[in-house]
PDB file of N, CA and C in Angstrom:
ATOM      1  N   MET A   1      78.328 137.001  -3.865  1.00  0.00           N
ATOM      2  CA  MET A   1      77.336 136.120  -4.439  1.00  0.00           C
ATOM      3  C   MET A   1      77.305 134.829  -3.622  1.00  0.00           C
ATOM      4  N   ASN A   2      76.126 134.433  -3.164  1.00  0.00           N
ATOM      5  CA  ASN A   2      76.049 133.182  -2.415  1.00  0.00           C
ATOM      6  C   ASN A   2      75.792 132.007  -3.352  1.00  0.00           C
ATOM      7  N   ARG A   3      75.832 130.812  -2.793  1.00  0.00           N
ATOM      8  CA  ARG A   3      75.752 129.617  -3.639  1.00  0.00           C
ATOM      9  C   ARG A   3      74.408 129.484  -4.338  1.00  0.00           C
ATOM     10  N   ILE A   4      73.332 129.980  -3.756  1.00  0.00           N
ATOM     11  CA  ILE A   4      72.018 129.887  -4.399  1.00  0.00           C
ATOM     12  C   ILE A   4      71.983 130.791  -5.631  1.00  0.00           C
ATOM     13  N   GLU A   5      72.464 132.029  -5.504  1.00  0.00           N
ATOM     14  CA  GLU A   5      72.547 132.929  -6.655  1.00  0.00           C
ATOM     15  C   GLU A   5      73.463 132.350  -7.720  1.00  0.00           C
ATOM     16  N   TYR A   6      74.545 131.742  -7.279  1.00  0.00           N
ATOM     17  CA  TYR A   6      75.492 131.153  -8.219  1.00  0.00           C
ATOM     18  C   TYR A   6      74.841 130.010  -8.997  1.00  0.00           C
ATOM     19  N   CYS A   7      74.092 129.155  -8.293  1.00  0.00           N
ATOM     20  CA  CYS A   7      73.428 128.032  -8.961  1.00  0.00           C
ATOM     21  C   CYS A   7      72.367 128.514  -9.947  1.00  0.00           C
ATOM     22  N   ILE A   8      71.694 129.593  -9.626  1.00  0.00           N
ATOM     23  CA  ILE A   8      70.728 130.168 -10.565  1.00  0.00           C
ATOM     24  C   ILE A   8      71.457 130.631 -11.826  1.00  0.00           C
ATOM     25  N   GLY A   9      72.611 131.256 -11.657  1.00  0.00           N
ATOM     26  CA  GLY A   9      73.426 131.683 -12.794  1.00  0.00           C
ATOM     27  C   GLY A   9      73.919 130.517 -13.625  1.00  0.00           C
ATOM     28  N   LEU A  10      74.130 129.371 -13.008  1.00  0.00           N
ATOM     29  CA  LEU A  10      74.597 128.191 -13.733  1.00  0.00           C
ATOM     30  C   LEU A  10      73.576 127.698 -14.750  1.00  0.00           C
ATOM     31  N   LYS A  11      72.293 127.986 -14.503  1.00  0.00           N
ATOM     32  CA  LYS A  11      71.236 127.511 -15.405  1.00  0.00           C
ATOM     33  C   LYS A  11      71.372 128.090 -16.809  1.00  0.00           C
ATOM     34  N   ASN A  12      72.072 129.206 -16.939  1.00  0.00           N
ATOM     35  CA  ASN A  12      72.295 129.793 -18.260  1.00  0.00           C
ATOM     36  C   ASN A  12      73.388 129.058 -19.030  1.00  0.00           C
ATOM     37  N   ILE A  13      74.171 128.255 -18.335  1.00  0.00           N
ATOM     38  CA  ILE A  13      75.333 127.606 -18.939  1.00  0.00           C
ATOM     39  C   ILE A  13      75.185 126.088 -18.988  1.00  0.00           C
ATOM     40  N   PHE A  14      74.687 125.515 -17.892  1.00  0.00           N
ATOM     41  CA  PHE A  14      74.637 124.065 -17.741  1.00  0.00           C
ATOM     42  C   PHE A  14      73.214 123.538 -17.804  1.00  0.00           C
ATOM     43  N   THR A  15      73.101 122.246 -18.138  1.00  0.00           N
ATOM     44  CA  THR A  15      71.807 121.573 -18.099  1.00  0.00           C
ATOM     45  C   THR A  15      71.479 121.239 -16.641  1.00  0.00           C
ATOM     46  N   GLU A  16      70.242 120.862 -16.387  1.00  0.00           N
ATOM     47  CA  GLU A  16      69.829 120.490 -15.025  1.00  0.00           C
ATOM     48  C   GLU A  16      70.668 119.329 -14.496  1.00  0.00           C
ATOM     49  N   LYS A  17      70.946 118.377 -15.357  1.00  0.00           N
ATOM     50  CA  LYS A  17      71.740 117.210 -14.965  1.00  0.00           C
ATOM     51  C   LYS A  17      73.167 117.637 -14.587  1.00  0.00           C
ATOM     52  N   GLU A  18      73.742 118.523 -15.365  1.00  0.00           N
ATOM     53  CA  GLU A  18      75.091 119.013 -15.075  1.00  0.00           C
ATOM     54  C   GLU A  18      75.117 119.792 -13.759  1.00  0.00           C
ATOM     55  N   ILE A  19      74.086 120.597 -13.520  1.00  0.00           N
ATOM     56  CA  ILE A  19      74.006 121.369 -12.278  1.00  0.00           C
ATOM     57  C   ILE A  19      73.894 120.436 -11.074  1.00  0.00           C
ATOM     58  N   ALA A  20      73.124 119.381 -11.209  1.00  0.00           N
ATOM     59  CA  ALA A  20      72.987 118.421 -10.114  1.00  0.00           C
ATOM     60  C   ALA A  20      74.338 117.791  -9.780  1.00  0.00           C
ATOM     61  N   PHE A  21      75.096 117.469 -10.799  1.00  0.00           N
ATOM     62  CA  PHE A  21      76.418 116.883 -10.572  1.00  0.00           C
ATOM     63  C   PHE A  21      77.355 117.895  -9.911  1.00  0.00           C
ATOM     64  N   ILE A  22      77.303 119.131 -10.354  1.00  0.00           N
ATOM     65  CA  ILE A  22      78.135 120.190  -9.757  1.00  0.00           C
ATOM     66  C   ILE A  22      77.760 120.380  -8.286  1.00  0.00           C
ATOM     67  N   ARG A  23      76.484 120.378  -7.987  1.00  0.00           N
ATOM     68  CA  ARG A  23      76.037 120.516  -6.592  1.00  0.00           C
ATOM     69  C   ARG A  23      76.537 119.358  -5.736  1.00  0.00           C
ATOM     70  N   LEU A  24      76.477 118.153  -6.288  1.00  0.00           N
ATOM     71  CA  LEU A  24      76.953 116.979  -5.558  1.00  0.00           C
ATOM     72  C   LEU A  24      78.444 117.109  -5.249  1.00  0.00           C
ATOM     73  N   LEU A  25      79.237 117.443  -6.253  1.00  0.00           N
ATOM     74  CA  LEU A  25      80.681 117.600  -6.029  1.00  0.00           C
ATOM     75  C   LEU A  25      80.981 118.732  -5.058  1.00  0.00           C
ATOM     76  N   ALA A  26      80.240 119.821  -5.139  1.00  0.00           N
ATOM     77  CA  ALA A  26      80.465 120.946  -4.226  1.00  0.00           C
ATOM     78  C   ALA A  26      80.160 120.547  -2.790  1.00  0.00           C
ATOM     79  N   THR A  27      79.104 119.774  -2.602  1.00  0.00           N
ATOM     80  CA  THR A  27      78.765 119.303  -1.258  1.00  0.00           C
ATOM     81  C   THR A  27      79.848 118.363  -0.728  1.00  0.00           C
ATOM     82  N   LEU A  28      80.313 117.466  -1.572  1.00  0.00           N
ATOM     83  CA  LEU A  28      81.402 116.568  -1.169  1.00  0.00           C
ATOM     84  C   LEU A  28      82.672 117.354  -0.856  1.00  0.00           C
ATOM     85  N   LEU A  29      82.966 118.350  -1.669  1.00  0.00           N
ATOM     86  CA  LEU A  29      84.151 119.180  -1.429  1.00  0.00           C
ATOM     87  C   LEU A  29      84.041 119.886  -0.085  1.00  0.00           C
ATOM     88  N   PHE A  30      82.863 120.371   0.235  1.00  0.00           N
ATOM     89  CA  PHE A  30      82.634 121.042   1.511  1.00  0.00           C
ATOM     90  C   PHE A  30      83.016 120.116   2.669  1.00  0.00           C
ATOM     91  N   TYR A  31      82.568 118.866   2.622  1.00  0.00           N
ATOM     92  CA  TYR A  31      82.874 117.929   3.699  1.00  0.00           C
ATOM     93  C   TYR A  31      84.348 117.530   3.707  1.00  0.00           C
ATOM     94  N   VAL A  32      84.966 117.415   2.554  1.00  0.00           N
ATOM     95  CA  VAL A  32      86.404 117.126   2.491  1.00  0.00           C
ATOM     96  C   VAL A  32      87.193 118.273   3.123  1.00  0.00           C
ATOM     97  N   LEU A  33      86.790 119.505   2.837  1.00  0.00           N
ATOM     98  CA  LEU A  33      87.471 120.660   3.427  1.00  0.00           C
ATOM     99  C   LEU A  33      87.324 120.660   4.948  1.00  0.00           C
ATOM    100  N   GLU A  34      86.147 120.301   5.402  1.00  0.00           N
ATOM    101  CA  GLU A  34      85.902 120.271   6.847  1.00  0.00           C
ATOM    102  C   GLU A  34      86.730 119.177   7.520  1.00  0.00           C
ATOM    103  N   ILE A  35      86.742 117.993   6.947  1.00  0.00           N
ATOM    104  CA  ILE A  35      87.377 116.838   7.591  1.00  0.00           C
ATOM    105  C   ILE A  35      88.882 116.773   7.305  1.00  0.00           C
ATOM    106  N   ASP A  36      89.265 116.771   6.034  1.00  0.00           N
ATOM    107  CA  ASP A  36      90.674 116.598   5.671  1.00  0.00           C
ATOM    108  C   ASP A  36      91.514 117.852   5.849  1.00  0.00           C
ATOM    109  N   PHE A  37      90.894 119.016   5.685  1.00  0.00           N
ATOM    110  CA  PHE A  37      91.650 120.262   5.757  1.00  0.00           C
ATOM    111  C   PHE A  37      91.391 121.013   7.061  1.00  0.00           C
ATOM    112  N   ASP A  38      90.521 120.437   7.894  1.00  0.00           N
ATOM    113  CA  ASP A  38      90.235 120.993   9.224  1.00  0.00           C
ATOM    114  C   ASP A  38      89.812 122.463   9.160  1.00  0.00           C
ATOM    115  N   MET A  39      88.944 122.772   8.206  1.00  0.00           N
ATOM    116  CA  MET A  39      88.473 124.146   8.042  1.00  0.00           C
ATOM    117  C   MET A  39      87.184 124.358   8.834  1.00  0.00           C
ATOM    118  N   LYS A  40      86.974 125.595   9.231  1.00  0.00           N
ATOM    119  CA  LYS A  40      85.782 125.961   9.985  1.00  0.00           C
ATOM    120  C   LYS A  40      84.544 125.864   9.087  1.00  0.00           C
ATOM    121  N   VAL A  41      83.515 125.210   9.599  1.00  0.00           N
ATOM    122  CA  VAL A  41      82.277 125.038   8.845  1.00  0.00           C
ATOM    123  C   VAL A  41      81.430 126.296   8.987  1.00  0.00           C
ATOM    124  N   ASP A  42      81.115 126.927   7.855  1.00  0.00           N
ATOM    125  CA  ASP A  42      80.211 128.071   7.856  1.00  0.00           C
ATOM    126  C   ASP A  42      79.637 128.248   6.456  1.00  0.00           C
ATOM    127  N   GLU A  43      78.753 129.198   6.306  1.00  0.00           N
ATOM    128  CA  GLU A  43      78.101 129.429   5.012  1.00  0.00           C
ATOM    129  C   GLU A  43      79.101 129.884   3.951  1.00  0.00           C
ATOM    130  N   GLU A  44      80.103 130.646   4.354  1.00  0.00           N
ATOM    131  CA  GLU A  44      81.103 131.113   3.392  1.00  0.00           C
ATOM    132  C   GLU A  44      81.867 129.939   2.783  1.00  0.00           C
ATOM    133  N   LEU A  45      82.181 128.938   3.602  1.00  0.00           N
ATOM    134  CA  LEU A  45      82.875 127.755   3.093  1.00  0.00           C
ATOM    135  C   LEU A  45      81.995 127.010   2.091  1.00  0.00           C
ATOM    136  N   LYS A  46      80.712 126.898   2.373  1.00  0.00           N
ATOM    137  CA  LYS A  46      79.787 126.260   1.435  1.00  0.00           C
ATOM    138  C   LYS A  46      79.732 127.048   0.127  1.00  0.00           C
ATOM    139  N   ASP A  47      79.635 128.363   0.228  1.00  0.00           N
ATOM    140  CA  ASP A  47      79.577 129.209  -0.965  1.00  0.00           C
ATOM    141  C   ASP A  47      80.844 129.055  -1.796  1.00  0.00           C
ATOM    142  N   LYS A  48      81.994 129.063  -1.136  1.00  0.00           N
ATOM    143  CA  LYS A  48      83.259 128.928  -1.862  1.00  0.00           C
ATOM    144  C   LYS A  48      83.380 127.557  -2.525  1.00  0.00           C
ATOM    145  N   SER A  49      82.836 126.529  -1.899  1.00  0.00           N
ATOM    146  CA  SER A  49      82.862 125.191  -2.487  1.00  0.00           C
ATOM    147  C   SER A  49      82.084 125.172  -3.797  1.00  0.00           C
ATOM    148  N   TYR A  50      80.893 125.774  -3.781  1.00  0.00           N
ATOM    149  CA  TYR A  50      80.084 125.847  -5.000  1.00  0.00           C
ATOM    150  C   TYR A  50      80.804 126.660  -6.075  1.00  0.00           C
ATOM    151  N   LEU A  51      81.368 127.755  -5.686  1.00  0.00           N
ATOM    152  CA  LEU A  51      82.074 128.622  -6.625  1.00  0.00           C
ATOM    153  C   LEU A  51      83.250 127.897  -7.255  1.00  0.00           C
ATOM    154  N   TYR A  52      84.019 127.190  -6.449  1.00  0.00           N
ATOM    155  CA  TYR A  52      85.200 126.490  -6.947  1.00  0.00           C
ATOM    156  C   TYR A  52      84.814 125.399  -7.948  1.00  0.00           C
ATOM    157  N   VAL A  53      83.858 124.560  -7.569  1.00  0.00           N
ATOM    158  CA  VAL A  53      83.448 123.464  -8.450  1.00  0.00           C
ATOM    159  C   VAL A  53      82.765 124.009  -9.712  1.00  0.00           C
ATOM    160  N   GLY A  54      81.923 125.011  -9.557  1.00  0.00           N
ATOM    161  CA  GLY A  54      81.267 125.615 -10.717  1.00  0.00           C
ATOM    162  C   GLY A  54      82.258 126.207 -11.695  1.00  0.00           C
ATOM    163  N   ASN A  55      83.252 126.912 -11.184  1.00  0.00           N
ATOM    164  CA  ASN A  55      84.283 127.489 -12.053  1.00  0.00           C
ATOM    165  C   ASN A  55      85.104 126.409 -12.741  1.00  0.00           C
ATOM    166  N   TYR A  56      85.414 125.356 -12.019  1.00  0.00           N
ATOM    167  CA  TYR A  56      86.166 124.226 -12.576  1.00  0.00           C
ATOM    168  C   TYR A  56      85.437 123.653 -13.790  1.00  0.00           C
ATOM    169  N   PHE A  57      84.149 123.379 -13.624  1.00  0.00           N
ATOM    170  CA  PHE A  57      83.385 122.786 -14.723  1.00  0.00           C
ATOM    171  C   PHE A  57      83.036 123.806 -15.808  1.00  0.00           C
ATOM    172  N   TYR A  58      82.918 125.064 -15.466  1.00  0.00           N
ATOM    173  CA  TYR A  58      82.688 126.095 -16.482  1.00  0.00           C
ATOM    174  C   TYR A  58      83.872 126.147 -17.451  1.00  0.00           C
ATOM    175  N   LYS A  59      85.074 126.134 -16.915  1.00  0.00           N
ATOM    176  CA  LYS A  59      86.279 126.163 -17.762  1.00  0.00           C
ATOM    177  C   LYS A  59      86.342 124.934 -18.651  1.00  0.00           C
ATOM    178  N   ILE A  60      86.034 123.789 -18.082  1.00  0.00           N
ATOM    179  CA  ILE A  60      86.067 122.552 -18.868  1.00  0.00           C
ATOM    180  C   ILE A  60      85.011 122.579 -19.969  1.00  0.00           C
ATOM    181  N   LYS A  61      83.793 122.974 -19.628  1.00  0.00           N
ATOM    182  CA  LYS A  61      82.721 122.987 -20.628  1.00  0.00           C
ATOM    183  C   LYS A  61      83.024 124.008 -21.725  1.00  0.00           C
ATOM    184  N   THR A  62      83.582 125.136 -21.352  1.00  0.00           N
ATOM    185  CA  THR A  62      83.857 126.191 -22.321  1.00  0.00           C
ATOM    186  C   THR A  62      85.034 125.856 -23.232  1.00  0.00           C
ATOM    187  N   TYR A  63      86.125 125.411 -22.645  1.00  0.00           N
ATOM    188  CA  TYR A  63      87.354 125.242 -23.417  1.00  0.00           C
ATOM    189  C   TYR A  63      87.578 123.821 -23.928  1.00  0.00           C
ATOM    190  N   GLU A  64      87.308 122.823 -23.106  1.00  0.00           N
ATOM    191  CA  GLU A  64      87.548 121.447 -23.524  1.00  0.00           C
ATOM    192  C   GLU A  64      86.390 120.883 -24.339  1.00  0.00           C
ATOM    193  N   PHE A  65      85.162 121.174 -23.914  1.00  0.00           N
ATOM    194  CA  PHE A  65      83.989 120.614 -24.573  1.00  0.00           C
ATOM    195  C   PHE A  65      83.345 121.571 -25.571  1.00  0.00           C
ATOM    196  N   LYS A  66      83.857 122.772 -25.661  1.00  0.00           N
ATOM    197  CA  LYS A  66      83.357 123.783 -26.610  1.00  0.00           C
ATOM    198  C   LYS A  66      81.846 123.985 -26.502  1.00  0.00           C
ATOM    199  N   GLY A  67      81.311 123.896 -25.262  1.00  0.00           N
ATOM    200  CA  GLY A  67      79.900 124.159 -25.024  1.00  0.00           C
ATOM    201  C   GLY A  67      78.973 122.962 -25.126  1.00  0.00           C
ATOM    202  N   ARG A  68      79.476 121.831 -25.591  1.00  0.00           N
ATOM    203  CA  ARG A  68      78.586 120.664 -25.716  1.00  0.00           C
ATOM    204  C   ARG A  68      78.281 120.083 -24.335  1.00  0.00           C
ATOM    205  N   GLU A  69      77.202 119.325 -24.256  1.00  0.00           N
ATOM    206  CA  GLU A  69      76.778 118.737 -22.987  1.00  0.00           C
ATOM    207  C   GLU A  69      77.813 117.747 -22.469  1.00  0.00           C
ATOM    208  N   ILE A  70      78.009 117.773 -21.168  1.00  0.00           N
ATOM    209  CA  ILE A  70      78.938 116.847 -20.518  1.00  0.00           C
ATOM    210  C   ILE A  70      78.148 115.586 -20.167  1.00  0.00           C
ATOM    211  N   THR A  71      78.579 114.451 -20.678  1.00  0.00           N
ATOM    212  CA  THR A  71      77.863 113.190 -20.459  1.00  0.00           C
ATOM    213  C   THR A  71      78.220 112.588 -19.107  1.00  0.00           C
ATOM    214  N   ASP A  72      77.472 111.549 -18.724  1.00  0.00           N
ATOM    215  CA  ASP A  72      77.763 110.842 -17.472  1.00  0.00           C
ATOM    216  C   ASP A  72      79.181 110.279 -17.484  1.00  0.00           C
ATOM    217  N   GLN A  73      79.568 109.717 -18.598  1.00  0.00           N
ATOM    218  CA  GLN A  73      80.921 109.155 -18.729  1.00  0.00           C
ATOM    219  C   GLN A  73      81.972 110.256 -18.580  1.00  0.00           C
ATOM    220  N   ASP A  74      81.711 111.413 -19.173  1.00  0.00           N
ATOM    221  CA  ASP A  74      82.625 112.554 -19.034  1.00  0.00           C
ATOM    222  C   ASP A  74      82.728 112.992 -17.577  1.00  0.00           C
ATOM    223  N   PHE A  75      81.577 113.089 -16.894  1.00  0.00           N
ATOM    224  CA  PHE A  75      81.583 113.495 -15.487  1.00  0.00           C
ATOM    225  C   PHE A  75      82.358 112.503 -14.632  1.00  0.00           C
ATOM    226  N   ASN A  76      82.215 111.234 -14.928  1.00  0.00           N
ATOM    227  CA  ASN A  76      82.941 110.212 -14.182  1.00  0.00           C
ATOM    228  C   ASN A  76      84.448 110.441 -14.321  1.00  0.00           C
ATOM    229  N   ARG A  77      84.894 110.642 -15.535  1.00  0.00           N
ATOM    230  CA  ARG A  77      86.318 110.873 -15.801  1.00  0.00           C
ATOM    231  C   ARG A  77      86.791 112.181 -15.175  1.00  0.00           C
ATOM    232  N   LEU A  78      86.001 113.232 -15.343  1.00  0.00           N
ATOM    233  CA  LEU A  78      86.384 114.546 -14.831  1.00  0.00           C
ATOM    234  C   LEU A  78      86.378 114.607 -13.305  1.00  0.00           C
ATOM    235  N   SER A  79      85.432 113.912 -12.679  1.00  0.00           N
ATOM    236  CA  SER A  79      85.404 113.931 -11.215  1.00  0.00           C
ATOM    237  C   SER A  79      86.611 113.186 -10.645  1.00  0.00           C
ATOM    238  N   LYS A  80      87.034 112.112 -11.289  1.00  0.00           N
ATOM    239  CA  LYS A  80      88.248 111.409 -10.850  1.00  0.00           C
ATOM    240  C   LYS A  80      89.456 112.335 -10.953  1.00  0.00           C
ATOM    241  N   LYS A  81      89.533 113.052 -12.047  1.00  0.00           N
ATOM    242  CA  LYS A  81      90.627 114.010 -12.248  1.00  0.00           C
ATOM    243  C   LYS A  81      90.571 115.118 -11.181  1.00  0.00           C
ATOM    244  N   PHE A  82      89.381 115.600 -10.881  1.00  0.00           N
ATOM    245  CA  PHE A  82      89.160 116.645  -9.887  1.00  0.00           C
ATOM    246  C   PHE A  82      89.658 116.205  -8.515  1.00  0.00           C
ATOM    247  N   TRP A  83      89.226 115.025  -8.057  1.00  0.00           N
ATOM    248  CA  TRP A  83      89.626 114.541  -6.730  1.00  0.00           C
ATOM    249  C   TRP A  83      91.103 114.188  -6.681  1.00  0.00           C
ATOM    250  N   LYS A  84      91.625 113.667  -7.771  1.00  0.00           N
ATOM    251  CA  LYS A  84      93.063 113.349  -7.808  1.00  0.00           C
ATOM    252  C   LYS A  84      93.874 114.623  -7.609  1.00  0.00           C
ATOM    253  N   TYR A  85      93.471 115.696  -8.281  1.00  0.00           N
ATOM    254  CA  TYR A  85      94.170 116.978  -8.133  1.00  0.00           C
ATOM    255  C   TYR A  85      94.105 117.471  -6.691  1.00  0.00           C
ATOM    256  N   ILE A  86      92.933 117.455  -6.112  1.00  0.00           N
ATOM    257  CA  ILE A  86      92.747 117.982  -4.754  1.00  0.00           C
ATOM    258  C   ILE A  86      93.520 117.163  -3.729  1.00  0.00           C
ATOM    259  N   LEU A  87      93.412 115.865  -3.819  1.00  0.00           N
ATOM    260  CA  LEU A  87      94.008 115.013  -2.790  1.00  0.00           C
ATOM    261  C   LEU A  87      95.488 114.742  -3.006  1.00  0.00           C
ATOM    262  N   SER A  88      95.991 114.922  -4.226  1.00  0.00           N
ATOM    263  CA  SER A  88      97.412 114.665  -4.466  1.00  0.00           C
ATOM    264  C   SER A  88      98.284 115.866  -4.133  1.00  0.00           C
ATOM    265  N   ASP A  89      97.728 117.069  -4.238  1.00  0.00           N
ATOM    266  CA  ASP A  89      98.505 118.275  -3.941  1.00  0.00           C
ATOM    267  C   ASP A  89      97.658 119.206  -3.080  1.00  0.00           C
ATOM    268  N   LYS A  90      97.462 118.797  -1.838  1.00  0.00           N
ATOM    269  CA  LYS A  90      96.560 119.510  -0.940  1.00  0.00           C
ATOM    270  C   LYS A  90      96.984 120.958  -0.711  1.00  0.00           C
ATOM    271  N   GLU A  91      98.265 121.194  -0.594  1.00  0.00           N
ATOM    272  CA  GLU A  91      98.743 122.548  -0.315  1.00  0.00           C
ATOM    273  C   GLU A  91      98.447 123.500  -1.474  1.00  0.00           C
ATOM    274  N   SER A  92      98.721 123.064  -2.680  1.00  0.00           N
ATOM    275  CA  SER A  92      98.454 123.886  -3.858  1.00  0.00           C
ATOM    276  C   SER A  92      96.951 124.156  -3.999  1.00  0.00           C
ATOM    277  N   PHE A  93      96.150 123.107  -3.821  1.00  0.00           N
ATOM    278  CA  PHE A  93      94.709 123.276  -3.899  1.00  0.00           C
ATOM    279  C   PHE A  93      94.214 124.270  -2.856  1.00  0.00           C
ATOM    280  N   LEU A  94      94.676 124.112  -1.623  1.00  0.00           N
ATOM    281  CA  LEU A  94      94.226 124.975  -0.542  1.00  0.00           C
ATOM    282  C   LEU A  94      94.584 126.437  -0.813  1.00  0.00           C
ATOM    283  N   ASN A  95      95.756 126.683  -1.360  1.00  0.00           N
ATOM    284  CA  ASN A  95      96.156 128.044  -1.712  1.00  0.00           C
ATOM    285  C   ASN A  95      95.221 128.644  -2.766  1.00  0.00           C
ATOM    286  N   ARG A  96      94.894 127.869  -3.781  1.00  0.00           N
ATOM    287  CA  ARG A  96      93.988 128.358  -4.837  1.00  0.00           C
ATOM    288  C   ARG A  96      92.573 128.559  -4.293  1.00  0.00           C
ATOM    289  N   PHE A  97      92.143 127.655  -3.449  1.00  0.00           N
ATOM    290  CA  PHE A  97      90.791 127.716  -2.893  1.00  0.00           C
ATOM    291  C   PHE A  97      90.646 128.953  -2.005  1.00  0.00           C
ATOM    292  N   GLN A  98      91.634 129.248  -1.212  1.00  0.00           N
ATOM    293  CA  GLN A  98      91.551 130.367  -0.293  1.00  0.00           C
ATOM    294  C   GLN A  98      91.614 131.721  -1.002  1.00  0.00           C
ATOM    295  N   LYS A  99      92.096 131.744  -2.252  1.00  0.00           N
ATOM    296  CA  LYS A  99      92.156 132.987  -3.009  1.00  0.00           C
ATOM    297  C   LYS A  99      90.803 133.389  -3.607  1.00  0.00           C
ATOM    298  N   LEU A 100      89.826 132.499  -3.538  1.00  0.00           N
ATOM    299  CA  LEU A 100      88.490 132.821  -4.084  1.00  0.00           C
ATOM    300  C   LEU A 100      87.870 133.973  -3.338  1.00  0.00           C
TER     301      LEU A 100
END
């Protein structure tokens, strides 16, 4: 499944605003992987970035928010938590990311 098909599937779960935020984080993650993790830039890396961020927020929306809409304030808090996890334990993150 490529990132475009994945984003279409997200419309069944997330609002347009939530999808826009997920796309933004996935794009940022793609560049972080390229620069900080020295990964090869290709379409597969972009697809995996979307998949990783989408799955991250799907779990949060399903289990933590019980399906309710994620607000701007929630996204701000969750994105800080997301980047802290990635940048504080790069090896663990990279292992999980590569298993996708």
